[in-house]
Amino acid sequence: MVSEIRLFATAEYTTQAQSYQTVLAERGVSTECVEIEQLNARFLRQHPELALCLDHEGLWLSAEGMKMQPDWRGETSRLKRASLKSELLARACQLAEKPKLIDATAGLGHDSLLMAHLGAEVILVERHPILLTLLEAAQAQAAQDPYLAETAARMSLVFADSQEYLEQCVSEQIQVDVVYLDPMFPQRDQNSNKKQALVKKQMQLLHLLLADDGHMDLGDSLLEPARQIAKRVVVKRPRLAVNLADVTPDHQWLGDACRFDAYFK
């Protein structure tokens, strides 16, 4: 777990940076606010350590010359193209029925954004305090965007460990329509010994942030409690990956690069 991190901010965002500092402290992360003149590519190269940055683009994570944030506004063009018929995810999760849905592996929230855009009420569960804070910042930005505001209003963030959250739902007999699982680092192909290509820059930064926090598991332990509380569990997998927890799904939707496995109650 990252327990201490620097937060770089330009002068006009110092007050906002102090607010984030307070929020992160409440979540167990000590933050050193550092005021700088300008956040640019040169600055990022000169400061390769994992850090948070705040400027006119909002709050984002940086390391090794790269930067990353949940770019919900950047998803607008995808949302405008999306439909219940064109998206495999929509069919797998039956979004036409406007389900109550738990995304137990929220990540950057892009899939949750799409599902909420297509009508679902989505609860995003995230246990890492820094990633949760980045998601909150993205939701706040979306709430101010005329196109995204209605979608953002259908999304709720929960600060919790996914397995503990699902098991609590089981113990409290809470039922939902769908639990969605997209494990961050799934095994891609049980039959291939070839090295995987480097992941996208955003995923590289998530690796750096989450690797020491127990997030590098395959998500197998989430399937059973998810199946107890949902009418259907939908698991996103690379097309050639093994089944989650080695459990054969009841149905699959196959895409070019990924597939959606469904488990029905």
Protein backbone atom coordinates (compact mmCIF):
# COMPACT_ATOMS: atom_id res chain seq x y z
CA MET A 1 0.00 0.00 0.00
CA VAL A 2 1.30 3.45 -0.89
CA SER A 3 1.18 5.25 2.48
CA GLU A 4 3.04 8.42 1.48
CA ILE A 5 3.09 10.34 -1.76
CA ARG A 6 3.91 13.82 -3.07
CA LEU A 7 1.23 16.02 -4.58
CA PHE A 8 2.54 18.55 -7.09
CA ALA A 9 0.29 21.53 -7.80
CA THR A 10 0.61 24.84 -9.58
CA ALA A 11 -0.04 27.96 -7.50
CA GLU A 12 -3.67 28.48 -8.48
CA TYR A 13 -4.55 24.94 -7.31
CA THR A 14 -2.78 25.00 -3.92
CA THR A 15 -6.01 25.31 -1.93
CA GLN A 16 -7.60 22.41 -3.82
CA ALA A 17 -4.44 20.36 -3.28
CA GLN A 18 -4.73 20.92 0.47
CA SER A 19 -8.31 19.62 0.33
CA TYR A 20 -7.10 16.44 -1.38
CA GLN A 21 -4.36 16.20 1.24
CA THR A 22 -7.01 16.15 3.97
CA VAL A 23 -9.12 13.53 2.19
CA LEU A 24 -6.14 11.25 1.60
CA ALA A 25 -4.97 11.60 5.20
CA GLU A 26 -8.39 10.36 6.34
CA ARG A 27 -7.80 7.33 4.10
CA GLY A 28 -4.39 6.55 5.52
CA VAL A 29 -2.19 8.24 2.91
CA SER A 30 0.24 10.95 3.97
CA THR A 31 0.64 13.61 1.27
CA GLU A 32 3.33 16.25 0.90
CA CYS A 33 1.97 19.18 -1.11
CA VAL A 34 4.62 20.78 -3.31
CA GLU A 35 3.88 24.00 -5.18
CA ILE A 36 5.56 24.20 -8.59
CA GLU A 37 5.61 26.67 -11.46
CA GLN A 38 4.46 24.41 -14.27
CA LEU A 39 3.49 20.80 -14.87
CA ASN A 40 4.85 19.72 -18.24
CA ALA A 41 6.64 16.83 -19.92
CA ARG A 42 10.05 18.08 -18.80
CA PHE A 43 8.93 18.25 -15.18
CA LEU A 44 7.56 14.70 -15.36
CA ARG A 45 10.85 13.40 -16.76
CA GLN A 46 12.76 15.12 -13.96
CA HIS A 47 10.46 13.64 -11.30
CA PRO A 48 10.03 9.95 -12.25
CA GLU A 49 8.79 8.84 -8.81
CA LEU A 50 5.14 7.92 -8.31
CA ALA A 51 3.27 11.13 -7.48
CA LEU A 52 -0.05 12.92 -7.74
CA CYS A 53 -0.39 16.07 -9.84
CA LEU A 54 -3.05 18.77 -9.88
CA ASP A 55 -3.53 21.39 -12.58
CA HIS A 56 -6.17 22.61 -15.05
CA GLU A 57 -6.70 19.01 -16.23
CA GLY A 58 -7.65 17.90 -12.74
CA LEU A 59 -6.06 15.30 -10.46
CA TRP A 60 -3.86 12.65 -12.03
CA LEU A 61 -1.12 10.15 -11.25
CA SER A 62 2.39 10.40 -12.69
CA ALA A 63 5.51 8.21 -12.78
CA GLU A 64 8.43 7.59 -15.12
CA GLY A 65 7.44 10.44 -17.44
CA MET A 66 3.87 9.14 -17.85
CA LYS A 67 0.60 10.43 -16.44
CA MET A 68 -2.79 8.84 -15.92
CA GLN A 69 -6.25 9.74 -14.70
CA PRO A 70 -9.72 8.21 -15.11
CA ASP A 71 -10.50 10.17 -18.27
CA TRP A 72 -14.30 10.07 -18.24
CA ARG A 73 -14.60 13.15 -20.42
CA GLY A 74 -12.32 11.46 -22.95
CA GLU A 75 -14.86 8.63 -23.19
CA THR A 76 -17.56 10.94 -24.56
CA SER A 77 -17.06 9.95 -28.20
CA ARG A 78 -17.40 6.25 -27.28
CA LEU A 79 -20.55 6.95 -25.30
CA LYS A 80 -22.11 8.80 -28.22
CA ARG A 81 -21.51 5.78 -30.48
CA ALA A 82 -22.64 3.21 -27.93
CA SER A 83 -26.01 1.50 -28.06
CA LEU A 84 -27.67 -1.45 -26.38
CA LYS A 85 -27.27 -3.46 -29.59
CA SER A 86 -23.71 -2.47 -30.51
CA GLU A 87 -22.04 -3.13 -27.15
CA LEU A 88 -21.36 -6.73 -26.10
CA LEU A 89 -21.17 -5.46 -22.55
CA ALA A 90 -24.73 -4.16 -22.80
CA ARG A 91 -26.02 -7.53 -23.94
CA ALA A 92 -24.06 -9.46 -21.33
CA CYS A 93 -25.32 -7.27 -18.48
CA GLN A 94 -28.86 -6.84 -19.88
CA LEU A 95 -28.53 -3.07 -19.65
CA ALA A 96 -31.83 -2.64 -21.51
CA GLU A 97 -33.50 -3.60 -18.22
CA LYS A 98 -31.70 -0.76 -16.39
CA PRO A 99 -30.26 -3.10 -13.74
CA LYS A 100 -28.90 -2.35 -10.32
CA LEU A 101 -25.27 -3.32 -10.80
CA ILE A 102 -22.13 -3.65 -8.68
CA ASP A 103 -18.80 -3.15 -10.43
CA ALA A 104 -16.56 -4.91 -7.90
CA THR A 105 -13.37 -4.18 -9.85
CA ALA A 106 -13.84 -0.51 -10.69
CA GLY A 107 -10.36 0.28 -12.04
CA LEU A 108 -10.53 3.57 -13.95
CA GLY A 109 -14.32 3.37 -14.11
CA HIS A 110 -14.61 3.43 -17.91
CA ASP A 111 -16.80 0.32 -18.15
CA SER A 112 -18.94 1.58 -15.28
CA LEU A 113 -19.34 4.88 -17.10
CA LEU A 114 -20.58 3.06 -20.20
CA MET A 115 -22.98 0.89 -18.20
CA ALA A 116 -24.40 3.91 -16.38
CA HIS A 117 -24.72 5.77 -19.69
CA LEU A 118 -26.81 2.91 -21.05
CA GLY A 119 -29.14 2.95 -18.05
CA ALA A 120 -27.64 0.95 -15.18
CA GLU A 121 -27.43 2.15 -11.59
CA VAL A 122 -23.80 1.35 -10.81
CA ILE A 123 -21.98 0.94 -7.51
CA LEU A 124 -18.20 1.08 -8.03
CA VAL A 125 -16.15 -0.64 -5.33
CA GLU A 126 -12.51 0.38 -4.89
CA ARG A 127 -10.23 -0.28 -1.94
CA HIS A 128 -7.11 1.70 -2.90
CA PRO A 129 -7.39 5.20 -1.38
CA ILE A 130 -5.46 6.95 -4.15
CA LEU A 131 -7.39 5.30 -6.98
CA LEU A 132 -10.66 6.01 -5.17
CA THR A 133 -9.69 9.69 -4.87
CA LEU A 134 -8.88 9.80 -8.59
CA LEU A 135 -12.29 8.29 -9.35
CA GLU A 136 -13.99 10.87 -7.13
CA ALA A 137 -12.20 13.65 -8.99
CA ALA A 138 -13.34 12.19 -12.32
CA GLN A 139 -16.93 11.96 -11.08
CA ALA A 140 -16.85 15.57 -9.87
CA GLN A 141 -15.62 16.70 -13.30
CA ALA A 142 -18.30 14.64 -15.03
CA ALA A 143 -21.00 16.15 -12.81
CA GLN A 144 -20.09 19.56 -14.26
CA ASP A 145 -20.21 18.33 -17.86
CA PRO A 146 -23.63 18.80 -19.52
CA TYR A 147 -23.30 15.55 -21.47
CA LEU A 148 -21.98 13.39 -18.61
CA ALA A 149 -23.84 14.80 -15.60
CA GLU A 150 -26.87 12.50 -15.84
CA THR A 151 -24.64 9.47 -16.27
CA ALA A 152 -22.40 10.44 -13.34
CA ALA A 153 -25.49 10.77 -11.14
CA ARG A 154 -26.21 7.04 -11.65
CA MET A 155 -22.76 6.11 -10.29
CA SER A 156 -21.90 5.65 -6.60
CA LEU A 157 -18.39 5.11 -5.25
CA VAL A 158 -17.74 2.82 -2.28
CA PHE A 159 -14.41 2.71 -0.43
CA ALA A 160 -14.09 -0.98 0.43
CA ASP A 161 -12.31 -4.22 -0.30
CA SER A 162 -14.34 -5.95 -3.00
CA GLN A 163 -14.37 -9.39 -1.39
CA GLU A 164 -15.31 -7.98 2.00
CA TYR A 165 -18.02 -5.84 0.41
CA LEU A 166 -19.54 -8.77 -1.50
CA GLU A 167 -19.40 -11.00 1.57
CA GLN A 168 -21.13 -8.29 3.60
CA CYS A 169 -23.86 -8.18 0.97
CA VAL A 170 -24.22 -11.95 1.34
CA SER A 171 -24.50 -11.73 5.13
CA GLU A 172 -27.06 -8.91 4.89
CA GLN A 173 -28.98 -10.78 2.16
CA ILE A 174 -28.65 -7.86 -0.25
CA GLN A 175 -29.58 -8.78 -3.81
CA VAL A 176 -28.69 -6.98 -7.06
CA ASP A 177 -29.32 -7.69 -10.71
CA VAL A 178 -25.69 -7.89 -11.87
CA VAL A 179 -22.20 -8.10 -10.43
CA TYR A 180 -19.54 -7.14 -12.96
CA LEU A 181 -15.97 -8.38 -12.60
CA ASP A 182 -13.00 -7.27 -14.67
CA PRO A 183 -9.89 -8.45 -12.79
CA MET A 184 -7.04 -6.04 -13.36
CA PHE A 185 -4.34 -8.58 -14.19
CA PRO A 186 -5.89 -11.78 -15.57
CA GLN A 187 -3.88 -14.66 -16.96
CA ARG A 188 -4.27 -14.26 -20.70
CA ASP A 189 -3.71 -17.64 -22.31
CA GLN A 190 -3.03 -20.89 -20.55
CA ASN A 191 -1.62 -22.36 -23.77
CA SER A 192 0.86 -19.62 -24.66
CA ASN A 193 4.41 -19.12 -23.42
CA LYS A 194 4.92 -15.97 -25.46
CA LYS A 195 5.73 -12.79 -23.56
CA GLN A 196 2.87 -10.37 -23.37
CA ALA A 197 3.27 -7.01 -25.04
CA LEU A 198 3.73 -4.03 -22.75
CA VAL A 199 0.43 -2.84 -21.40
CA LYS A 200 -0.82 0.62 -22.19
CA LYS A 201 0.73 3.51 -20.30
CA GLN A 202 -2.29 3.90 -18.05
CA MET A 203 -2.10 0.25 -17.09
CA GLN A 204 1.65 0.54 -16.43
CA LEU A 205 0.92 3.25 -13.90
CA LEU A 206 -1.80 1.14 -12.29
CA HIS A 207 0.72 -1.68 -12.00
CA LEU A 208 3.08 0.68 -10.15
CA LEU A 209 0.31 1.90 -7.86
CA LEU A 210 -1.39 -1.41 -7.10
CA ALA A 211 1.37 -4.02 -7.27
CA ASP A 212 2.25 -3.76 -3.57
CA ASP A 213 -1.33 -3.64 -2.38
CA GLY A 214 -2.44 -7.20 -3.09
CA HIS A 215 -4.29 -6.12 -6.24
CA MET A 216 -2.21 -8.43 -8.44
CA ASP A 217 -4.47 -11.41 -7.73
CA LEU A 218 -6.62 -12.89 -10.48
CA GLY A 219 -9.99 -12.14 -8.89
CA ASP A 220 -10.93 -15.80 -8.40
CA SER A 221 -12.18 -15.28 -4.84
CA LEU A 222 -14.81 -12.77 -5.98
CA LEU A 223 -16.86 -15.15 -8.09
CA GLU A 224 -18.56 -17.19 -5.36
CA PRO A 225 -19.87 -14.30 -3.21
CA ALA A 226 -20.89 -12.46 -6.38
CA ARG A 227 -22.97 -15.43 -7.51
CA GLN A 228 -24.77 -15.49 -4.15
CA ILE A 229 -26.06 -11.92 -4.41
CA ALA A 230 -26.69 -11.41 -8.14
CA LYS A 231 -29.08 -12.75 -10.72
CA ARG A 232 -26.12 -12.83 -13.07
CA VAL A 233 -22.37 -12.33 -12.74
CA VAL A 234 -20.57 -11.02 -15.81
CA VAL A 235 -16.80 -11.45 -16.08
CA LYS A 236 -14.70 -9.62 -18.66
CA ARG A 237 -11.76 -11.72 -19.86
CA PRO A 238 -9.14 -11.59 -22.59
CA ARG A 239 -10.50 -13.81 -25.37
CA LEU A 240 -8.09 -16.71 -24.69
CA ALA A 241 -7.92 -16.47 -20.91
CA VAL A 242 -8.81 -19.32 -18.58
CA ASN A 243 -12.19 -19.19 -16.87
CA LEU A 244 -12.35 -17.23 -13.64
CA ALA A 245 -11.75 -19.63 -10.72
CA ASP A 246 -11.80 -22.42 -13.35
CA VAL A 247 -15.61 -22.31 -13.33
CA THR A 248 -17.28 -22.84 -16.71
CA PRO A 249 -19.66 -19.96 -17.52
CA ASP A 250 -23.29 -20.51 -18.47
CA HIS A 251 -22.94 -18.29 -21.54
CA GLN A 252 -20.29 -16.29 -23.40
CA TRP A 253 -20.25 -13.28 -25.68
CA LEU A 254 -17.10 -13.26 -27.82
CA GLY A 255 -15.42 -10.14 -29.16
CA ASP A 256 -12.22 -9.73 -31.17
CA ALA A 257 -9.93 -9.17 -28.19
CA CYS A 258 -12.07 -9.98 -25.16
CA ARG A 259 -15.09 -11.96 -24.12
CA PHE A 260 -17.81 -11.68 -21.48
CA ASP A 261 -18.57 -14.78 -19.42
CA ALA A 262 -21.96 -14.92 -17.68
CA TYR A 263 -22.97 -16.97 -14.66
CA PHE A 264 -26.71 -17.15 -13.97
CA LYS A 265 -28.46 -17.79 -10.68
